[in-house]
Amino acid sequence: MINIMKFLPVLGKAIQGDVGGALSEGMQAIGLKPSGDSDKDKIKFDKAIESATPEQLKALKKLEYDFEIQMEKMASDDRDSARKRHLTMKDSTPAIIGISLVFGFFALLATLIFTEIPIHNQQILNIMLGSLGTMTTAVVTYYFGSSNGSSKKDEMLRSIK
């Protein structure tokens, strides 16, 4: 028995939630005709997956690959549009917020390291540190890119255009 969530980790979630018509596309990829009733279609799709041929499974894997590329392209375009807006508007607000977040993260980190914090305040400060850490990561990603892997994905997406 094939576990759709393990076989198609990205597309499987979209199919189970019927995000953006993913269920219909998945059904069509294995030769099924969607009825329009997503509950019935999910049951039909799940049953069909259990007896899918290697060709059908290959078609679903290709669909997932295409879906991942589409999602990454959307994310890349979103980052790109935010950067272009920043350059076009010459708005200093994102930079001010970014600097404040990074400074706040390191200030809180230093406070936690060099100051004795009362036990009843430690949990909330740890939550704040986690939140600021996440926001600091977003700021660094916005200004410097997320990783070398992301750069390679961006190059791949540009070559597809």
C-alpha atoms as a PDB file:
ATOM      1  CA  MET A   1       0.000   0.000   0.000  1.00  0.00           C
ATOM      2  CA  ILE A   2       1.389   3.382  -1.016  1.00  0.00           C
ATOM      3  CA  ASN A   3       1.351   6.179   1.523  1.00  0.00           C
ATOM      4  CA  ILE A   4       0.682   9.262  -0.618  1.00  0.00           C
ATOM      5  CA  MET A   5       2.228  11.576   1.970  1.00  0.00           C
ATOM      6  CA  LYS A   6       5.522   9.632   1.913  1.00  0.00           C
ATOM      7  CA  PHE A   7       5.548   9.010  -1.832  1.00  0.00           C
ATOM      8  CA  LEU A   8       4.635  12.615  -2.714  1.00  0.00           C
ATOM      9  CA  PRO A   9       5.551  14.686   0.358  1.00  0.00           C
ATOM     10  CA  VAL A  10       4.905  18.092  -1.211  1.00  0.00           C
ATOM     11  CA  LEU A  11       2.157  17.336  -3.696  1.00  0.00           C
ATOM     12  CA  GLY A  12       0.518  14.861  -1.314  1.00  0.00           C
ATOM     13  CA  LYS A  13      -0.283  17.656   1.133  1.00  0.00           C
ATOM     14  CA  ALA A  14      -1.742  19.746  -1.667  1.00  0.00           C
ATOM     15  CA  ILE A  15      -3.783  16.801  -2.920  1.00  0.00           C
ATOM     16  CA  GLN A  16      -5.136  15.934   0.526  1.00  0.00           C
ATOM     17  CA  GLY A  17      -6.145  19.570   1.066  1.00  0.00           C
ATOM     18  CA  ASP A  18      -7.112  20.007  -2.610  1.00  0.00           C
ATOM     19  CA  VAL A  19      -4.968  23.112  -2.815  1.00  0.00           C
ATOM     20  CA  GLY A  20      -5.074  24.841  -6.182  1.00  0.00           C
ATOM     21  CA  GLY A  21      -6.730  21.937  -7.941  1.00  0.00           C
ATOM     22  CA  ALA A  22      -3.898  19.558  -7.056  1.00  0.00           C
ATOM     23  CA  LEU A  23      -6.343  16.691  -6.542  1.00  0.00           C
ATOM     24  CA  SER A  24      -7.748  17.128 -10.056  1.00  0.00           C
ATOM     25  CA  GLU A  25      -4.266  17.283 -11.559  1.00  0.00           C
ATOM     26  CA  GLY A  26      -3.201  14.198  -9.604  1.00  0.00           C
ATOM     27  CA  MET A  27      -6.270  12.316 -10.794  1.00  0.00           C
ATOM     28  CA  GLN A  28      -5.697  13.331 -14.402  1.00  0.00           C
ATOM     29  CA  ALA A  29      -2.031  12.287 -14.154  1.00  0.00           C
ATOM     30  CA  ILE A  30      -3.102   8.707 -13.446  1.00  0.00           C
ATOM     31  CA  GLY A  31      -5.944   8.688 -15.966  1.00  0.00           C
ATOM     32  CA  LEU A  32      -8.908   9.402 -13.681  1.00  0.00           C
ATOM     33  CA  LYS A  33     -11.597  11.935 -14.431  1.00  0.00           C
ATOM     34  CA  PRO A  34     -12.375  14.300 -11.517  1.00  0.00           C
ATOM     35  CA  SER A  35     -16.055  14.476 -10.597  1.00  0.00           C
ATOM     36  CA  GLY A  36     -15.927  17.867  -8.913  1.00  0.00           C
ATOM     37  CA  ASP A  37     -16.811  16.403  -5.503  1.00  0.00           C
ATOM     38  CA  SER A  38     -13.468  16.574  -3.704  1.00  0.00           C
ATOM     39  CA  ASP A  39     -14.473  14.127  -0.948  1.00  0.00           C
ATOM     40  CA  LYS A  40     -15.465  11.438  -3.455  1.00  0.00           C
ATOM     41  CA  ASP A  41     -12.470  12.254  -5.647  1.00  0.00           C
ATOM     42  CA  LYS A  42     -10.061  11.823  -2.699  1.00  0.00           C
ATOM     43  CA  ILE A  43     -11.474   8.370  -1.987  1.00  0.00           C
ATOM     44  CA  LYS A  44     -11.299   7.449  -5.688  1.00  0.00           C
ATOM     45  CA  PHE A  45      -7.740   8.773  -5.934  1.00  0.00           C
ATOM     46  CA  ASP A  46      -6.572   6.932  -2.796  1.00  0.00           C
ATOM     47  CA  LYS A  47      -8.005   3.637  -4.113  1.00  0.00           C
ATOM     48  CA  ALA A  48      -6.393   4.174  -7.507  1.00  0.00           C
ATOM     49  CA  ILE A  49      -2.999   4.862  -5.926  1.00  0.00           C
ATOM     50  CA  GLU A  50      -3.066   1.465  -4.213  1.00  0.00           C
ATOM     51  CA  SER A  51      -3.084  -0.295  -7.592  1.00  0.00           C
ATOM     52  CA  ALA A  52      -1.203   2.286  -9.642  1.00  0.00           C
ATOM     53  CA  THR A  53       1.113   1.117 -12.402  1.00  0.00           C
ATOM     54  CA  PRO A  54       4.767   2.169 -12.474  1.00  0.00           C
ATOM     55  CA  GLU A  55       3.912   4.558 -15.339  1.00  0.00           C
ATOM     56  CA  GLN A  56       1.181   6.195 -13.262  1.00  0.00           C
ATOM     57  CA  LEU A  57       3.517   6.532 -10.277  1.00  0.00           C
ATOM     58  CA  LYS A  58       6.151   8.061 -12.555  1.00  0.00           C
ATOM     59  CA  ALA A  59       3.548  10.546 -13.855  1.00  0.00           C
ATOM     60  CA  LEU A  60       2.704  11.514 -10.268  1.00  0.00           C
ATOM     61  CA  LYS A  61       6.393  11.971  -9.393  1.00  0.00           C
ATOM     62  CA  LYS A  62       6.794  14.235 -12.432  1.00  0.00           C
ATOM     63  CA  LEU A  63       3.708  16.169 -11.365  1.00  0.00           C
ATOM     64  CA  GLU A  64       5.219  16.609  -7.908  1.00  0.00           C
ATOM     65  CA  TYR A  65       8.523  17.776  -9.386  1.00  0.00           C
ATOM     66  CA  ASP A  66       6.684  20.309 -11.576  1.00  0.00           C
ATOM     67  CA  PHE A  67       4.629  21.391  -8.548  1.00  0.00           C
ATOM     68  CA  GLU A  68       7.791  21.931  -6.466  1.00  0.00           C
ATOM     69  CA  ILE A  69       9.319  24.035  -9.257  1.00  0.00           C
ATOM     70  CA  GLN A  70       6.114  26.079  -9.495  1.00  0.00           C
ATOM     71  CA  MET A  71       6.058  26.656  -5.708  1.00  0.00           C
ATOM     72  CA  GLU A  72       9.731  27.645  -5.652  1.00  0.00           C
ATOM     73  CA  LYS A  73       9.193  29.988  -8.607  1.00  0.00           C
ATOM     74  CA  MET A  74       6.309  31.644  -6.780  1.00  0.00           C
ATOM     75  CA  ALA A  75       8.438  32.060  -3.655  1.00  0.00           C
ATOM     76  CA  SER A  76      11.350  33.366  -5.714  1.00  0.00           C
ATOM     77  CA  ASP A  77       9.098  35.827  -7.549  1.00  0.00           C
ATOM     78  CA  ASP A  78       7.665  36.983  -4.220  1.00  0.00           C
ATOM     79  CA  ARG A  79      11.140  37.682  -2.807  1.00  0.00           C
ATOM     80  CA  ASP A  80      12.165  39.347  -6.046  1.00  0.00           C
ATOM     81  CA  SER A  81       9.114  41.624  -6.073  1.00  0.00           C
ATOM     82  CA  ALA A  82       9.755  42.622  -2.455  1.00  0.00           C
ATOM     83  CA  ARG A  83      13.349  43.510  -3.296  1.00  0.00           C
ATOM     84  CA  LYS A  84      12.295  45.432  -6.422  1.00  0.00           C
ATOM     85  CA  ARG A  85       9.682  47.343  -4.420  1.00  0.00           C
ATOM     86  CA  HIS A  86      12.344  48.216  -1.867  1.00  0.00           C
ATOM     87  CA  LEU A  87      14.683  49.543  -4.568  1.00  0.00           C
ATOM     88  CA  THR A  88      11.958  51.393  -6.473  1.00  0.00           C
ATOM     89  CA  MET A  89      10.319  53.059  -3.483  1.00  0.00           C
ATOM     90  CA  LYS A  90      13.606  53.979  -1.828  1.00  0.00           C
ATOM     91  CA  ASP A  91      11.755  53.294   1.401  1.00  0.00           C
ATOM     92  CA  SER A  92      13.994  52.995   4.446  1.00  0.00           C
ATOM     93  CA  THR A  93      11.299  51.343   6.586  1.00  0.00           C
ATOM     94  CA  PRO A  94      12.340  47.716   5.803  1.00  0.00           C
ATOM     95  CA  ALA A  95      15.970  48.545   6.616  1.00  0.00           C
ATOM     96  CA  ILE A  96      15.020  50.247   9.887  1.00  0.00           C
ATOM     97  CA  ILE A  97      12.806  47.329  10.907  1.00  0.00           C
ATOM     98  CA  GLY A  98      15.505  44.849   9.872  1.00  0.00           C
ATOM     99  CA  ILE A  99      18.238  46.632  11.828  1.00  0.00           C
ATOM    100  CA  SER A 100      15.938  46.896  14.854  1.00  0.00           C
ATOM    101  CA  LEU A 101      15.127  43.187  14.745  1.00  0.00           C
ATOM    102  CA  VAL A 102      18.754  42.111  14.410  1.00  0.00           C
ATOM    103  CA  PHE A 103      19.826  44.499  17.155  1.00  0.00           C
ATOM    104  CA  GLY A 104      16.946  43.355  19.385  1.00  0.00           C
ATOM    105  CA  PHE A 105      17.855  39.699  18.854  1.00  0.00           C
ATOM    106  CA  PHE A 106      21.486  40.197  19.841  1.00  0.00           C
ATOM    107  CA  ALA A 107      20.581  42.531  22.720  1.00  0.00           C
ATOM    108  CA  LEU A 108      18.201  39.937  24.154  1.00  0.00           C
ATOM    109  CA  LEU A 109      20.772  37.195  23.599  1.00  0.00           C
ATOM    110  CA  ALA A 110      23.415  39.223  25.456  1.00  0.00           C
ATOM    111  CA  THR A 111      20.934  39.940  28.255  1.00  0.00           C
ATOM    112  CA  LEU A 112      20.179  36.245  28.648  1.00  0.00           C
ATOM    113  CA  ILE A 113      23.895  35.381  28.677  1.00  0.00           C
ATOM    114  CA  PHE A 114      25.200  38.091  30.993  1.00  0.00           C
ATOM    115  CA  THR A 115      22.267  38.777  33.304  1.00  0.00           C
ATOM    116  CA  GLU A 116      20.574  36.598  35.864  1.00  0.00           C
ATOM    117  CA  ILE A 117      16.944  36.382  34.815  1.00  0.00           C
ATOM    118  CA  PRO A 118      14.287  35.588  37.427  1.00  0.00           C
ATOM    119  CA  ILE A 119      12.853  32.113  36.861  1.00  0.00           C
ATOM    120  CA  HIS A 120       9.318  33.414  36.317  1.00  0.00           C
ATOM    121  CA  ASN A 121      10.571  35.560  33.378  1.00  0.00           C
ATOM    122  CA  GLN A 122      12.800  32.985  31.681  1.00  0.00           C
ATOM    123  CA  GLN A 123      10.100  31.244  29.686  1.00  0.00           C
ATOM    124  CA  ILE A 124       8.721  34.430  28.097  1.00  0.00           C
ATOM    125  CA  LEU A 125      12.240  35.648  27.273  1.00  0.00           C
ATOM    126  CA  ASN A 126      13.040  32.300  25.630  1.00  0.00           C
ATOM    127  CA  ILE A 127       9.869  32.617  23.557  1.00  0.00           C
ATOM    128  CA  MET A 128      10.876  36.162  22.589  1.00  0.00           C
ATOM    129  CA  LEU A 129      14.367  34.936  21.691  1.00  0.00           C
ATOM    130  CA  GLY A 130      12.901  32.257  19.411  1.00  0.00           C
ATOM    131  CA  SER A 131      10.595  34.754  17.735  1.00  0.00           C
ATOM    132  CA  LEU A 132      13.352  37.317  17.260  1.00  0.00           C
ATOM    133  CA  GLY A 133      15.664  34.579  15.976  1.00  0.00           C
ATOM    134  CA  THR A 134      13.092  33.620  13.353  1.00  0.00           C
ATOM    135  CA  MET A 135      12.585  37.251  12.331  1.00  0.00           C
ATOM    136  CA  THR A 136      16.360  37.802  12.200  1.00  0.00           C
ATOM    137  CA  THR A 137      16.653  34.823   9.860  1.00  0.00           C
ATOM    138  CA  ALA A 138      13.971  36.370   7.636  1.00  0.00           C
ATOM    139  CA  VAL A 139      15.839  39.696   7.564  1.00  0.00           C
ATOM    140  CA  VAL A 140      19.125  38.019   6.627  1.00  0.00           C
ATOM    141  CA  THR A 141      17.327  35.935   3.975  1.00  0.00           C
ATOM    142  CA  TYR A 142      15.691  39.059   2.535  1.00  0.00           C
ATOM    143  CA  TYR A 143      18.921  41.014   2.246  1.00  0.00           C
ATOM    144  CA  PHE A 144      21.439  38.271   1.488  1.00  0.00           C
ATOM    145  CA  GLY A 145      19.466  35.291   0.133  1.00  0.00           C
ATOM    146  CA  SER A 146      18.692  32.099   1.959  1.00  0.00           C
ATOM    147  CA  SER A 147      21.446  29.722   0.861  1.00  0.00           C
ATOM    148  CA  ASN A 148      23.632  28.425  -1.879  1.00  0.00           C
ATOM    149  CA  GLY A 149      20.965  25.787  -2.596  1.00  0.00           C
ATOM    150  CA  SER A 150      18.401  28.519  -3.097  1.00  0.00           C
ATOM    151  CA  SER A 151      20.734  30.287  -5.509  1.00  0.00           C
ATOM    152  CA  LYS A 152      21.030  27.081  -7.500  1.00  0.00           C
ATOM    153  CA  LYS A 153      17.228  26.764  -7.546  1.00  0.00           C
ATOM    154  CA  ASP A 154      16.941  30.379  -8.715  1.00  0.00           C
ATOM    155  CA  GLU A 155      19.418  29.671 -11.537  1.00  0.00           C
ATOM    156  CA  MET A 156      17.463  26.565 -12.514  1.00  0.00           C
ATOM    157  CA  LEU A 157      14.209  28.529 -12.540  1.00  0.00           C
ATOM    158  CA  ARG A 158      15.747  31.257 -14.691  1.00  0.00           C
ATOM    159  CA  SER A 159      16.881  28.632 -17.190  1.00  0.00           C
ATOM    160  CA  ILE A 160      13.315  27.276 -17.403  1.00  0.00           C
ATOM    161  CA  LYS A 161      11.773  30.663 -18.256  1.00  0.00           C
END
